[in-house]
Protein backbone atom coordinates (compact mmCIF):
# COMPACT_ATOMS: atom_id res chain seq x y z
CA MET A 1 -16.13 24.53 1.83
CA SER A 2 -13.64 23.46 4.51
CA ARG A 3 -13.84 24.82 8.11
CA PHE A 4 -10.24 25.14 8.38
CA ASN A 5 -7.67 26.36 6.62
CA LEU A 6 -5.51 23.37 5.81
CA ARG A 7 -1.95 24.88 6.26
CA ARG A 8 -3.30 26.35 9.68
CA ASP A 9 -4.71 22.77 10.37
CA ARG A 10 -1.29 21.09 10.04
CA ALA A 11 0.46 23.97 11.80
CA ALA A 12 -2.17 23.56 15.06
CA ALA A 13 -1.97 19.64 14.64
CA ALA A 14 1.79 19.92 15.57
CA HIS A 15 0.97 20.16 19.01
CA SER A 16 1.82 17.19 21.32
CA GLY A 17 -0.86 14.62 21.74
CA PRO A 18 -1.22 13.03 25.31
CA VAL A 19 -0.66 9.28 24.35
CA ARG A 20 3.23 8.88 24.41
CA THR A 21 5.88 6.43 23.58
CA THR A 22 9.11 6.33 25.86
CA GLY A 23 11.65 6.05 22.92
CA ALA A 24 12.35 1.95 24.01
CA VAL A 25 11.50 -0.50 21.53
CA THR A 26 10.76 -4.11 22.24
CA ARG A 27 8.99 -7.23 20.52
CA ASN A 28 5.09 -7.37 20.24
CA HIS A 29 2.77 -10.29 20.47
CA GLN A 30 3.56 -11.10 16.80
CA GLY A 31 6.91 -10.57 16.63
CA GLY A 32 7.09 -7.14 15.05
CA SER A 33 8.89 -4.07 16.52
CA GLY A 34 6.58 -2.43 19.34
CA HIS A 35 7.42 0.90 20.84
CA LEU A 36 6.68 1.02 24.82
CA ARG A 37 4.49 3.76 25.94
CA ASP A 38 4.80 5.71 29.42
CA ALA A 39 2.78 4.69 32.30
CA ARG A 40 -0.02 7.16 31.69
CA SER A 41 -0.55 6.34 28.11
CA GLU A 42 -0.47 2.56 28.92
CA LEU A 43 -3.16 2.89 31.44
CA PHE A 44 -5.33 4.99 29.12
CA LEU A 45 -5.35 2.95 26.53
CA LEU A 46 -5.86 -0.36 28.42
CA ALA A 47 -8.84 1.09 30.13
CA VAL A 48 -10.83 2.29 27.46
CA ALA A 49 -10.08 -0.93 25.63
CA ASN A 50 -10.57 -3.46 28.49
CA PHE A 51 -13.68 -5.32 29.50
CA VAL A 52 -12.61 -6.36 32.56
CA THR A 53 -11.89 -10.39 33.12
CA GLN A 54 -12.39 -10.77 29.36
CA ARG A 55 -9.66 -12.23 27.09
CA THR A 56 -8.30 -10.89 24.07
CA PHE A 57 -6.60 -12.65 21.02
CA TYR A 58 -3.17 -12.20 22.54
CA GLU A 59 -3.58 -11.94 26.40
CA ALA A 60 -5.56 -13.93 28.82
CA GLY A 61 -8.28 -11.61 30.70
CA ASP A 62 -6.49 -12.09 34.32
CA ALA A 63 -3.19 -10.98 32.67
CA ARG A 64 -4.75 -7.99 31.27
CA ASP A 65 -6.50 -7.16 34.58
CA ASP A 66 -3.32 -7.45 36.56
CA ARG A 67 -1.54 -5.04 34.40
CA TYR A 68 -4.74 -2.68 34.62
CA ALA A 69 -4.73 -3.01 38.55
CA ALA A 70 -1.14 -2.64 38.80
CA LEU A 71 -0.77 0.62 36.80
CA VAL A 72 -3.76 2.23 38.52
CA ARG A 73 -1.95 1.61 41.78
CA GLU A 74 1.17 2.88 40.69
CA LEU A 75 -0.23 6.08 39.35
CA ALA A 76 -2.60 6.64 42.28
CA VAL A 77 0.25 7.22 44.41
CA THR A 78 2.67 8.83 41.86
CA ASP A 79 0.04 11.01 39.87
CA PRO A 80 -3.31 11.05 41.78
CA GLU A 81 -4.96 13.97 40.06
CA TRP A 82 -4.52 12.69 36.76
CA THR A 83 -5.65 8.97 37.75
CA ALA A 84 -8.75 10.31 39.53
CA GLY A 85 -9.40 12.17 36.59
CA LEU A 86 -9.32 9.25 34.07
CA LEU A 87 -11.54 6.98 36.36
CA GLY A 88 -14.10 9.70 36.88
CA TRP A 89 -14.04 10.14 32.80
CA LEU A 90 -14.19 6.42 32.31
CA ARG A 91 -17.51 6.19 34.18
CA ALA A 92 -19.12 9.42 33.37
CA ASP A 93 -18.07 10.09 29.41
CA ALA A 94 -16.49 6.67 27.99
CA GLY A 95 -19.04 4.46 29.77
CA MET A 96 -16.44 1.87 30.91
CA ARG A 97 -18.45 1.04 34.02
CA THR A 98 -16.55 -2.14 35.22
CA ALA A 99 -13.10 -0.50 34.49
CA SER A 100 -14.06 2.62 36.47
CA LEU A 101 -15.21 0.59 39.48
CA VAL A 102 -12.22 -1.79 39.65
CA GLY A 103 -9.89 1.26 39.17
CA ALA A 104 -11.63 3.34 42.01
CA ALA A 105 -10.86 0.42 44.24
CA GLU A 106 -7.39 -0.18 43.23
CA TYR A 107 -6.79 3.80 43.44
CA VAL A 108 -8.10 3.72 47.27
CA ARG A 109 -6.09 0.67 48.08
CA ALA A 110 -2.86 1.79 46.72
CA ARG A 111 -2.88 5.03 48.54
CA LEU A 112 -4.13 3.53 51.92
CA ALA A 113 -1.01 1.32 51.52
CA ALA A 114 1.40 4.06 50.74
CA GLY A 115 -0.20 6.45 53.27
CA SER A 116 -0.82 9.13 50.49
CA THR A 117 -2.91 12.18 51.24
CA GLY A 118 -1.90 14.45 48.39
CA GLY A 119 -4.45 14.64 45.55
CA PRO A 120 -8.15 13.90 45.23
CA ALA A 121 -9.77 12.16 48.20
CA ASN A 122 -10.39 8.44 48.26
CA ARG A 123 -13.86 9.19 49.30
CA ARG A 124 -14.60 11.17 46.50
CA VAL A 125 -13.16 8.98 43.97
CA VAL A 126 -15.08 6.05 45.11
CA ASP A 127 -18.08 8.38 44.74
CA SER A 128 -17.44 9.53 41.73
CA VAL A 129 -17.37 6.19 39.60
CA LEU A 130 -20.87 4.85 41.33
CA GLN A 131 -23.60 6.20 38.94
CA ARG A 132 -26.43 3.45 38.81
CA PRO A 133 -28.11 1.98 41.87
CA ASP A 134 -26.45 -1.66 41.64
CA GLU A 135 -22.93 -0.13 41.71
CA PRO A 136 -22.48 0.13 45.46
CA GLY A 137 -22.97 -3.61 45.48
CA GLU A 138 -20.94 -4.31 42.55
CA PHE A 139 -18.00 -2.10 43.97
CA LEU A 140 -18.31 -3.85 47.50
CA ALA A 141 -18.44 -7.18 45.87
CA TYR A 142 -15.21 -6.61 44.04
CA TRP A 143 -13.36 -4.94 47.11
CA THR A 144 -14.32 -7.84 49.63
CA GLY A 145 -13.47 -10.43 47.07
CA ARG A 146 -10.12 -9.25 46.65
CA TYR A 147 -9.55 -7.55 50.19
CA GLY A 148 -11.77 -9.07 52.75
CA ARG A 149 -15.02 -7.92 54.48
CA ALA A 150 -12.99 -5.02 56.82
CA LEU A 151 -13.94 -1.80 54.81
CA PRO A 152 -11.74 1.07 55.50
CA GLN A 153 -13.50 4.46 56.29
CA PRO A 154 -12.93 6.31 52.64
CA VAL A 155 -14.72 2.90 51.18
CA LYS A 156 -17.53 3.22 53.53
CA ARG A 157 -18.15 6.85 53.29
CA GLY A 158 -17.73 7.11 49.47
CA VAL A 159 -20.07 4.15 48.84
CA ALA A 160 -22.72 5.73 51.36
CA ASP A 161 -22.42 9.29 49.44
CA ALA A 162 -23.40 7.19 46.31
CA VAL A 163 -26.18 5.26 47.77
CA ARG A 164 -27.70 8.88 49.03
CA ARG A 165 -27.80 9.95 45.40
CA LEU A 166 -28.75 6.48 43.84
CA TYR A 167 -31.16 4.52 45.86
CA HIS A 168 -34.97 5.45 44.98
CA PRO A 169 -37.82 2.95 44.94
CA ARG A 170 -37.72 1.84 40.95
CA GLY A 171 -34.00 1.12 41.42
CA LEU A 172 -34.69 -1.00 44.37
CA LEU A 173 -37.19 -3.10 42.27
CA LYS A 174 -34.89 -3.41 39.45
CA TYR A 175 -31.50 -4.19 41.32
CA ASP A 176 -32.45 -5.70 44.41
CA THR A 177 -33.09 -8.93 43.42
CA ALA A 178 -32.11 -12.52 45.31
CA GLY A 179 -29.29 -13.08 42.69
CA LYS A 180 -27.32 -10.33 44.03
CA GLY A 181 -24.29 -11.09 46.56
CA PHE A 182 -24.69 -7.41 48.05
CA ARG A 183 -28.25 -6.38 48.46
CA PHE A 184 -29.59 -3.10 49.21
CA GLY A 185 -29.68 -3.84 52.35
CA ASP A 186 -26.39 -5.41 53.11
CA VAL A 187 -25.06 -2.22 51.36
CA LEU A 188 -26.88 -0.35 54.04
CA ASN A 189 -25.68 -2.31 57.03
CA LEU A 190 -21.93 -2.16 55.85
CA THR A 191 -21.61 1.32 55.15
CA HIS A 192 -24.09 2.86 57.65
CA ALA A 193 -25.65 4.99 55.19
CA ALA A 194 -29.15 4.16 56.67
CA PRO A 195 -29.24 6.61 59.64
CA ASP A 196 -28.32 9.62 57.16
CA PRO A 197 -30.51 9.33 54.20
CA ALA A 198 -31.08 12.31 51.97
CA ALA A 199 -34.71 12.89 52.49
CA PRO A 200 -37.43 11.33 54.84
CA TRP A 201 -38.97 9.24 51.92
CA GLN A 202 -35.24 7.94 51.43
CA GLY A 203 -35.21 7.03 55.21
CA GLU A 204 -38.44 4.85 54.50
CA LEU A 205 -36.79 3.09 51.63
CA PHE A 206 -33.77 2.13 53.51
CA ARG A 207 -35.81 0.53 56.47
CA TYR A 208 -38.02 -1.23 53.52
CA ALA A 209 -34.77 -2.11 51.90
CA LEU A 210 -33.31 -3.71 55.27
CA ASP A 211 -36.59 -5.57 56.06
CA ARG A 212 -36.70 -7.01 52.17
CA ARG A 213 -33.16 -8.56 53.12
CA HIS A 214 -33.45 -9.53 56.71
CA HIS A 215 -37.53 -10.50 57.27
CA PRO A 216 -38.82 -10.73 53.32
CA GLU A 217 -42.06 -12.25 54.80
CA THR A 218 -43.20 -9.36 56.78
CA ALA A 219 -41.73 -6.53 55.06
CA VAL A 220 -44.27 -3.94 54.21
CA PRO A 221 -43.71 -1.32 51.39
CA PRO A 222 -43.89 2.24 52.50
CA ALA A 223 -46.94 4.32 51.95
CA SER A 224 -45.06 7.10 50.65
CA SER A 225 -43.93 5.05 47.77
CA PRO A 226 -46.83 4.66 45.15
CA VAL A 227 -44.69 2.20 43.22
CA LEU A 228 -43.80 0.10 45.85
CA VAL A 229 -47.32 -0.08 47.02
CA ALA A 230 -48.49 -0.91 43.57
CA HIS A 231 -45.71 -3.31 42.99
CA ARG A 232 -46.66 -5.23 46.36
CA ALA A 233 -50.42 -5.18 45.48
CA LEU A 234 -49.53 -6.82 41.77
CA THR A 235 -47.42 -9.57 43.40
CA ALA A 236 -50.08 -10.24 45.88
CA LEU A 237 -52.45 -11.39 43.02
CA PRO A 238 -52.84 -15.23 42.83
CA VAL A 239 -50.85 -16.69 40.18
CA ALA A 240 -54.07 -17.60 38.21
CA GLU A 241 -55.20 -14.21 37.86
CA ARG A 242 -52.05 -12.42 36.95
CA ARG A 243 -51.73 -12.94 33.20
CA ALA A 244 -55.38 -11.62 32.75
CA ALA A 245 -54.34 -8.59 34.90
CA VAL A 246 -51.56 -7.40 32.64
CA THR A 247 -53.08 -8.57 29.19
CA GLY A 248 -56.47 -7.14 29.87
CA PRO A 249 -57.58 -3.29 30.06
CA GLY A 250 -55.27 -1.16 31.54
CA GLY A 251 -52.25 -3.73 31.93
CA ALA A 252 -49.61 -1.88 30.40
CA GLU A 253 -50.38 0.95 32.89
CA ARG A 254 -50.66 -1.55 35.55
CA LEU A 255 -47.30 -2.81 34.95
CA ALA A 256 -45.48 0.68 34.36
CA ALA A 257 -47.13 1.84 37.86
CA ALA A 258 -45.78 -1.26 39.54
CA GLY A 259 -41.91 -0.58 38.03
CA MET A 260 -42.48 -4.42 37.09
CA THR A 261 -39.22 -5.08 34.78
CA TRP A 262 -39.31 -7.32 31.85
CA GLU A 263 -36.79 -9.64 33.64
CA ALA A 264 -39.03 -10.21 36.53
CA LEU A 265 -42.34 -10.63 34.60
CA ALA A 266 -41.56 -14.28 33.48
CA GLY A 267 -40.98 -15.58 37.15
CA TRP A 268 -43.51 -13.56 38.24
CA LEU A 269 -46.22 -15.16 35.70
CA GLN A 270 -44.40 -18.34 35.96
CA GLY A 271 -44.64 -18.84 32.52
CA PRO A 272 -43.26 -17.67 29.22
CA LEU A 273 -43.83 -14.37 27.87
CA ASP A 274 -46.04 -14.60 25.15
CA ALA A 275 -46.82 -11.95 22.31
CA ALA A 276 -49.87 -10.37 24.73
CA VAL A 277 -47.44 -10.05 27.76
CA TRP A 278 -44.56 -8.37 25.65
CA GLU A 279 -47.05 -5.85 24.29
CA ALA A 280 -48.20 -4.94 27.84
CA VAL A 281 -44.57 -4.51 28.98
CA ILE A 282 -42.80 -3.14 25.97
CA PRO A 283 -44.30 0.63 26.54
CA SER A 284 -42.31 0.60 29.79
CA MET A 285 -39.09 -0.97 28.50
CA GLY A 286 -36.02 1.31 27.98
CA ALA A 287 -34.04 1.76 24.56
CA MET A 288 -31.49 -0.90 25.05
CA ALA A 289 -33.92 -3.37 26.57
CA LEU A 290 -36.18 -3.13 23.41
CA VAL A 291 -32.76 -3.78 21.39
CA ARG A 292 -31.82 -6.77 23.79
CA ASN A 293 -35.17 -8.36 23.13
CA LEU A 294 -35.74 -7.99 19.47
CA ARG A 295 -35.48 -11.64 18.91
CA ASN A 296 -37.66 -12.46 21.58
CA PHE A 297 -40.61 -10.19 20.11
CA ASP A 298 -40.09 -12.02 17.04
CA ARG A 299 -40.29 -15.42 18.57
CA ALA A 300 -43.34 -14.42 20.45
CA GLY A 301 -45.11 -13.16 17.51
CA VAL A 302 -45.56 -9.51 18.60
CA SER A 303 -47.68 -7.60 16.07
CA ASP A 304 -46.68 -5.33 13.23
CA GLU A 305 -48.16 -2.40 14.67
CA VAL A 306 -46.33 -2.85 18.15
CA ALA A 307 -43.20 -3.40 16.31
CA ALA A 308 -43.69 -0.28 14.29
CA ARG A 309 -43.95 1.60 17.59
CA VAL A 310 -40.63 -0.21 18.94
CA GLY A 311 -39.00 0.91 15.83
CA ALA A 312 -40.01 4.48 16.19
CA THR A 313 -38.55 4.31 19.56
CA LEU A 314 -35.37 2.94 18.80
CA SER A 315 -35.01 5.37 15.79
CA ASP A 316 -35.73 8.46 17.52
CA PRO A 317 -32.60 10.87 17.75
CA ALA A 318 -33.50 12.00 21.10
CA VAL A 319 -33.68 8.33 22.53
CA VAL A 320 -30.53 7.28 20.92
CA ALA A 321 -28.75 10.31 22.45
CA ALA A 322 -30.05 9.50 25.83
CA SER A 323 -29.13 6.07 25.95
CA ARG A 324 -25.36 6.68 25.43
CA GLN A 325 -24.64 3.56 23.55
CA PHE A 326 -21.92 2.91 21.48
CA PRO A 327 -22.62 2.22 17.49
CA PHE A 328 -21.43 -1.43 17.63
CA ARG A 329 -24.55 -2.17 19.80
CA TYR A 330 -26.58 -1.51 17.25
CA LEU A 331 -24.78 -3.25 14.73
CA ALA A 332 -24.46 -6.37 16.44
CA ALA A 333 -28.41 -6.06 16.69
CA HIS A 334 -28.61 -5.47 13.21
CA ARG A 335 -26.55 -8.54 12.20
CA HIS A 336 -28.31 -10.92 14.53
CA VAL A 337 -31.80 -10.10 14.51
CA PRO A 338 -33.68 -12.61 12.31
CA SER A 339 -36.66 -10.25 11.04
CA LEU A 340 -36.12 -7.48 8.39
CA ARG A 341 -38.65 -5.28 9.89
CA TRP A 342 -36.12 -4.18 12.32
CA ALA A 343 -33.36 -3.28 9.89
CA HIS A 344 -34.23 0.28 8.96
CA PRO A 345 -34.85 1.43 12.65
CA LEU A 346 -31.77 -0.31 13.91
CA GLU A 347 -29.70 1.44 10.69
CA LEU A 348 -31.37 4.77 11.46
CA ALA A 349 -30.29 4.47 15.07
CA LEU A 350 -27.02 3.54 14.32
CA GLY A 351 -26.35 6.62 11.94
CA HIS A 352 -27.99 8.70 14.79
CA SER A 353 -25.13 7.06 17.73
CA LEU A 354 -22.55 8.41 15.06
CA ALA A 355 -23.69 12.23 15.17
CA ASN A 356 -20.75 13.42 16.84
CA VAL A 357 -18.21 11.64 14.58
CA PRO A 358 -16.96 14.95 12.59
CA ALA A 359 -17.33 16.00 9.23
CA LEU A 360 -13.49 16.31 8.38
CA PRO A 361 -12.46 18.93 6.16
CA GLY A 362 -9.92 18.40 3.31
CA ARG A 363 -8.70 15.12 2.27
CA THR A 364 -8.58 12.24 4.74
CA LEU A 365 -7.23 8.72 4.46
CA VAL A 366 -8.87 6.14 6.95
CA LEU A 367 -7.48 2.86 7.56
CA VAL A 368 -9.14 0.07 9.00
CA ASP A 369 -7.51 -3.22 10.17
CA ARG A 370 -8.65 -6.37 8.85
CA SER A 371 -6.12 -8.57 10.23
CA GLY A 372 -6.50 -12.09 12.16
CA SER A 373 -6.22 -10.50 15.72
CA MET A 374 -9.14 -7.97 15.14
CA TRP A 375 -11.60 -10.72 14.47
CA ALA A 376 -11.66 -11.73 18.28
CA PRO A 377 -14.82 -10.53 19.81
CA LEU A 378 -15.04 -7.32 21.55
CA SER A 379 -15.59 -9.19 24.91
CA ASP A 380 -16.83 -12.60 26.03
CA ARG A 381 -20.58 -11.56 25.83
CA SER A 382 -20.37 -9.77 22.27
CA GLU A 383 -21.41 -11.22 18.90
CA LEU A 384 -19.57 -8.25 17.42
CA ASP A 385 -15.88 -8.32 16.58
CA ARG A 386 -13.29 -5.71 16.76
CA ALA A 387 -12.82 -5.99 12.91
CA ASP A 388 -16.55 -5.04 12.64
CA ALA A 389 -16.45 -2.42 15.14
CA ALA A 390 -13.39 -0.61 13.57
CA ALA A 391 -15.24 -1.12 10.16
CA VAL A 392 -18.02 1.13 11.51
CA PHE A 393 -16.06 3.77 12.71
CA GLY A 394 -13.59 3.99 9.85
CA THR A 395 -16.82 3.79 7.49
CA ALA A 396 -18.46 6.46 9.39
CA VAL A 397 -15.60 8.89 9.33
CA ALA A 398 -15.14 8.39 5.85
CA VAL A 399 -18.86 8.81 4.75
CA ARG A 400 -18.87 11.91 6.72
CA ALA A 401 -15.71 13.66 5.46
CA GLU A 402 -15.34 16.06 2.78
CA ALA A 403 -13.32 13.88 0.96
CA ALA A 404 -12.14 10.36 1.98
CA ASP A 405 -10.19 7.39 0.95
CA LEU A 406 -11.29 4.00 2.92
CA VAL A 407 -8.80 1.15 2.72
CA GLU A 408 -9.05 -2.06 4.46
CA PHE A 409 -5.50 -3.72 5.61
CA GLY A 410 -3.90 -6.56 6.89
CA THR A 411 -1.25 -8.77 5.07
CA THR A 412 -2.34 -6.75 2.03
CA SER A 413 -4.55 -3.63 1.55
CA ALA A 414 -7.31 -2.52 -0.93
CA ALA A 415 -9.45 0.71 -1.40
CA VAL A 416 -13.19 -0.11 -0.12
CA PRO A 417 -15.66 1.67 -2.46
CA PHE A 418 -18.33 3.97 -0.90
CA ARG A 419 -20.35 7.00 -2.00
CA PRO A 420 -20.31 10.31 0.46
CA GLY A 421 -23.30 9.96 2.62
CA GLU A 422 -23.95 6.15 1.81
CA SER A 423 -25.32 4.18 4.68
CA VAL A 424 -22.55 2.76 6.93
CA LEU A 425 -24.43 -0.59 6.89
CA ARG A 426 -23.77 -0.84 3.16
CA VAL A 427 -20.15 -0.27 2.87
CA LEU A 428 -19.68 -2.73 5.61
CA ASP A 429 -20.64 -5.33 3.50
CA ARG A 430 -17.84 -4.61 1.10
CA PHE A 431 -14.62 -5.40 3.69
CA ARG A 432 -13.03 -8.36 4.15
CA HIS A 433 -10.65 -10.84 6.19
CA LEU A 434 -7.03 -10.10 5.33
CA GLY A 435 -4.81 -12.02 7.12
CA GLY A 436 -1.88 -10.76 8.86
CA THR A 437 -0.85 -7.26 9.67
CA ASP A 438 1.23 -4.74 7.40
CA THR A 439 0.23 -1.43 8.50
CA THR A 440 3.31 0.05 7.27
CA GLU A 441 3.02 -0.81 3.57
CA ALA A 442 -0.70 0.20 3.69
CA VAL A 443 0.29 3.60 4.61
CA ARG A 444 2.90 3.70 2.20
CA ARG A 445 0.63 2.41 -0.71
CA HIS A 446 -2.24 4.76 -0.20
CA TYR A 447 -1.02 8.02 1.10
CA ARG A 448 -1.06 10.38 -1.56
CA GLY A 449 -0.80 13.79 -0.09
CA HIS A 450 -3.75 13.54 2.26
CA ASP A 451 -4.41 16.16 5.16
CA ARG A 452 -4.55 13.59 7.73
CA VAL A 453 -4.42 9.89 8.17
CA LEU A 454 -6.85 7.77 10.64
CA ILE A 455 -5.86 4.29 11.41
CA VAL A 456 -8.00 2.06 13.55
CA THR A 457 -6.43 -1.08 14.60
CA ASP A 458 -4.91 -2.94 17.38
CA GLU A 459 -1.47 -1.87 16.71
CA GLN A 460 -0.01 -5.18 16.40
CA ALA A 461 2.35 -5.35 13.33
CA SER A 462 3.49 -8.82 11.96
CA TYR A 463 7.16 -9.75 12.49
CA HIS A 464 7.45 -9.17 8.75
CA SER A 465 6.10 -5.17 8.57
CA HIS A 466 7.94 -2.79 7.19
CA GLY A 467 8.60 -0.37 10.30
CA ASP A 468 6.93 2.67 11.62
CA PRO A 469 3.75 2.96 9.79
CA THR A 470 3.77 6.77 10.86
CA ALA A 471 7.09 7.31 9.27
CA GLN A 472 5.40 7.19 5.85
CA VAL A 473 3.69 10.38 6.20
CA PRO A 474 5.50 13.67 6.32
CA PRO A 475 5.91 15.04 9.85
CA ASP A 476 3.59 17.99 9.59
CA VAL A 477 0.63 15.98 8.82
CA PRO A 478 -1.49 14.45 11.70
CA VAL A 479 -1.82 10.79 12.14
CA TYR A 480 -4.41 9.68 14.51
CA THR A 481 -4.27 6.00 15.66
CA TRP A 482 -7.38 4.43 17.42
CA ASN A 483 -5.88 1.50 19.45
CA LEU A 484 -9.02 -0.85 20.26
CA ALA A 485 -7.17 -3.59 22.41
CA GLY A 486 -5.18 -1.65 24.67
CA TYR A 487 -1.94 -3.95 24.34
CA ARG A 488 1.20 -2.73 25.60
CA THR A 489 3.31 -1.78 22.69
CA GLY A 490 2.34 0.40 19.63
CA HIS A 491 3.04 0.22 16.03
CA GLY A 492 5.01 3.50 16.17
CA PRO A 493 5.72 6.29 18.45
CA SER A 494 3.30 8.79 19.77
CA GLY A 495 3.04 11.80 21.63
CA GLY A 496 5.26 13.75 19.51
CA PRO A 497 4.14 16.54 16.72
CA SER A 498 1.51 15.32 14.77
CA ARG A 499 1.46 11.79 16.00
CA HIS A 500 -1.58 10.99 18.39
CA THR A 501 -3.14 7.77 19.61
CA PHE A 502 -6.55 7.32 21.26
CA GLY A 503 -7.94 4.19 23.27
CA GLY A 504 -11.07 2.59 22.39
CA LEU A 505 -13.86 3.86 20.03
CA THR A 506 -15.83 6.89 22.09
CA ASP A 507 -17.52 9.94 20.64
CA ALA A 508 -15.09 11.69 22.79
CA ALA A 509 -12.23 10.38 21.22
CA PHE A 510 -13.59 11.28 17.79
CA ARG A 511 -13.90 15.01 18.92
CA MET A 512 -10.17 15.18 19.59
CA VAL A 513 -9.67 15.41 15.94
CA PRO A 514 -10.97 18.83 15.37
CA LEU A 515 -9.87 19.87 18.93
CA LEU A 516 -6.15 19.12 17.84
CA GLU A 517 -6.65 20.74 14.32
CA GLY A 518 -8.30 23.76 15.46
CA ALA A 519 -5.40 24.57 17.76
CA ALA A 520 -7.41 23.76 20.79
CA LYS A 521 -5.57 22.06 24.01
CA ALA A 522 -3.92 18.70 22.96
CA ASP A 523 -4.74 17.13 26.16
CA TRP A 524 -6.61 14.27 28.16
CA PRO A 525 -10.27 14.22 27.28
CA TRP A 526 -11.04 15.69 31.27
CA ALA A 527 -9.61 18.43 32.93
CA THR A 528 -6.24 17.61 34.79
CA GLY A 529 -6.24 20.58 36.92
């Protein structure tokens, strides 16, 4: 049974969505018509779709980064409350780590240059985007690389606030490595956080971090930290004794107690990780570290018994929820690990990661872009492209909906067959490569009185396309567009009644559909005051 009355759904969806076009029309990268967005909308879509320093099909990475930084600087001065909300949401809810750090730095720089004092404090914005122990150093590396080593007080204080929240013994072992440009000790020196720790144990940790940086040969871990003491004892073992210490009785417990990461293990052993070593460190590895190393486990010959435990961890709904990973991480692993023993756990994990995709009532038309530009990778480091990421989300919505038609489109379009509740991965194998982009014709051909239309695309229509795709749907029927790339132009107007555009593919964005249709606040996914 439907959760909402459909007539009421349509009336509720007539609220204006947050992403808006200005009314101005220009040409997009393919030569087709493009609708320009206002500054807020352009920054939002770019932020959630931009892997900083990564090029896309149509734009070089530095061009997108410059556009992103310029928009942040503009809105930091003219609309600081909204911009600060965006940056905090990017890091905390959308999981966009680099974009939020870069954005916070540009926010502070612009406001200092303009002498702006209204809105959220610069110090608070810096602190809000730093959520992992390595991020204070990352932030300072960006700032000093772009603006020099003279740090304004808001930067020093915001980073120091974060340091007191984030620096702990295991974080020191994992992230304070010789390969970092800014070690923990460097951050403490630059921000003067060391004289003001959050607790006595942290003061001892700060002193040890400074000693590790400046006097590593004499640095002694504080006795108040069992993990640092255990790590020191383990690293002090002669090389010839190390492998036996971790593969023999109690080896797994010894590694866990010492906070020894899998990344550091090969260097410490001074040799490759064989099956016995992997089996010792696997119990202390996090979920995404396990996903990244499935191929390594197979190459080393990890036993089926241990593999079964890894699979149980990966497919545990609570573990998946805590990892907060995007579903395409699991899809990429499923596509590229050689052994079939991981297939079912990864399929289950992908399903759990889509738990927040709503089961939409009524009839839904889902259109997934399979044009040439969608085959660009999600980032330079990704083995997955936008086409497959779009297909994952579009399929998930379709198989969970009360009634849905799933369509792939490019130069042409066609229905993608599926059964309600069918495995997303099974349906993905039915998608194809479809050349150019004619979104309008796809909507015109497949819209048959549906209660809503969802389009997952990069919004780059070809020059031969047939106008605004959203105009093919009655004005009282909601059309939701997910823009995966953050390009400047849109394939149709947005921000008016029943026309909603979202950036990226996050659970938070998908939750906007039932919120809008339930007459909830049609606004940005963070509180704007």
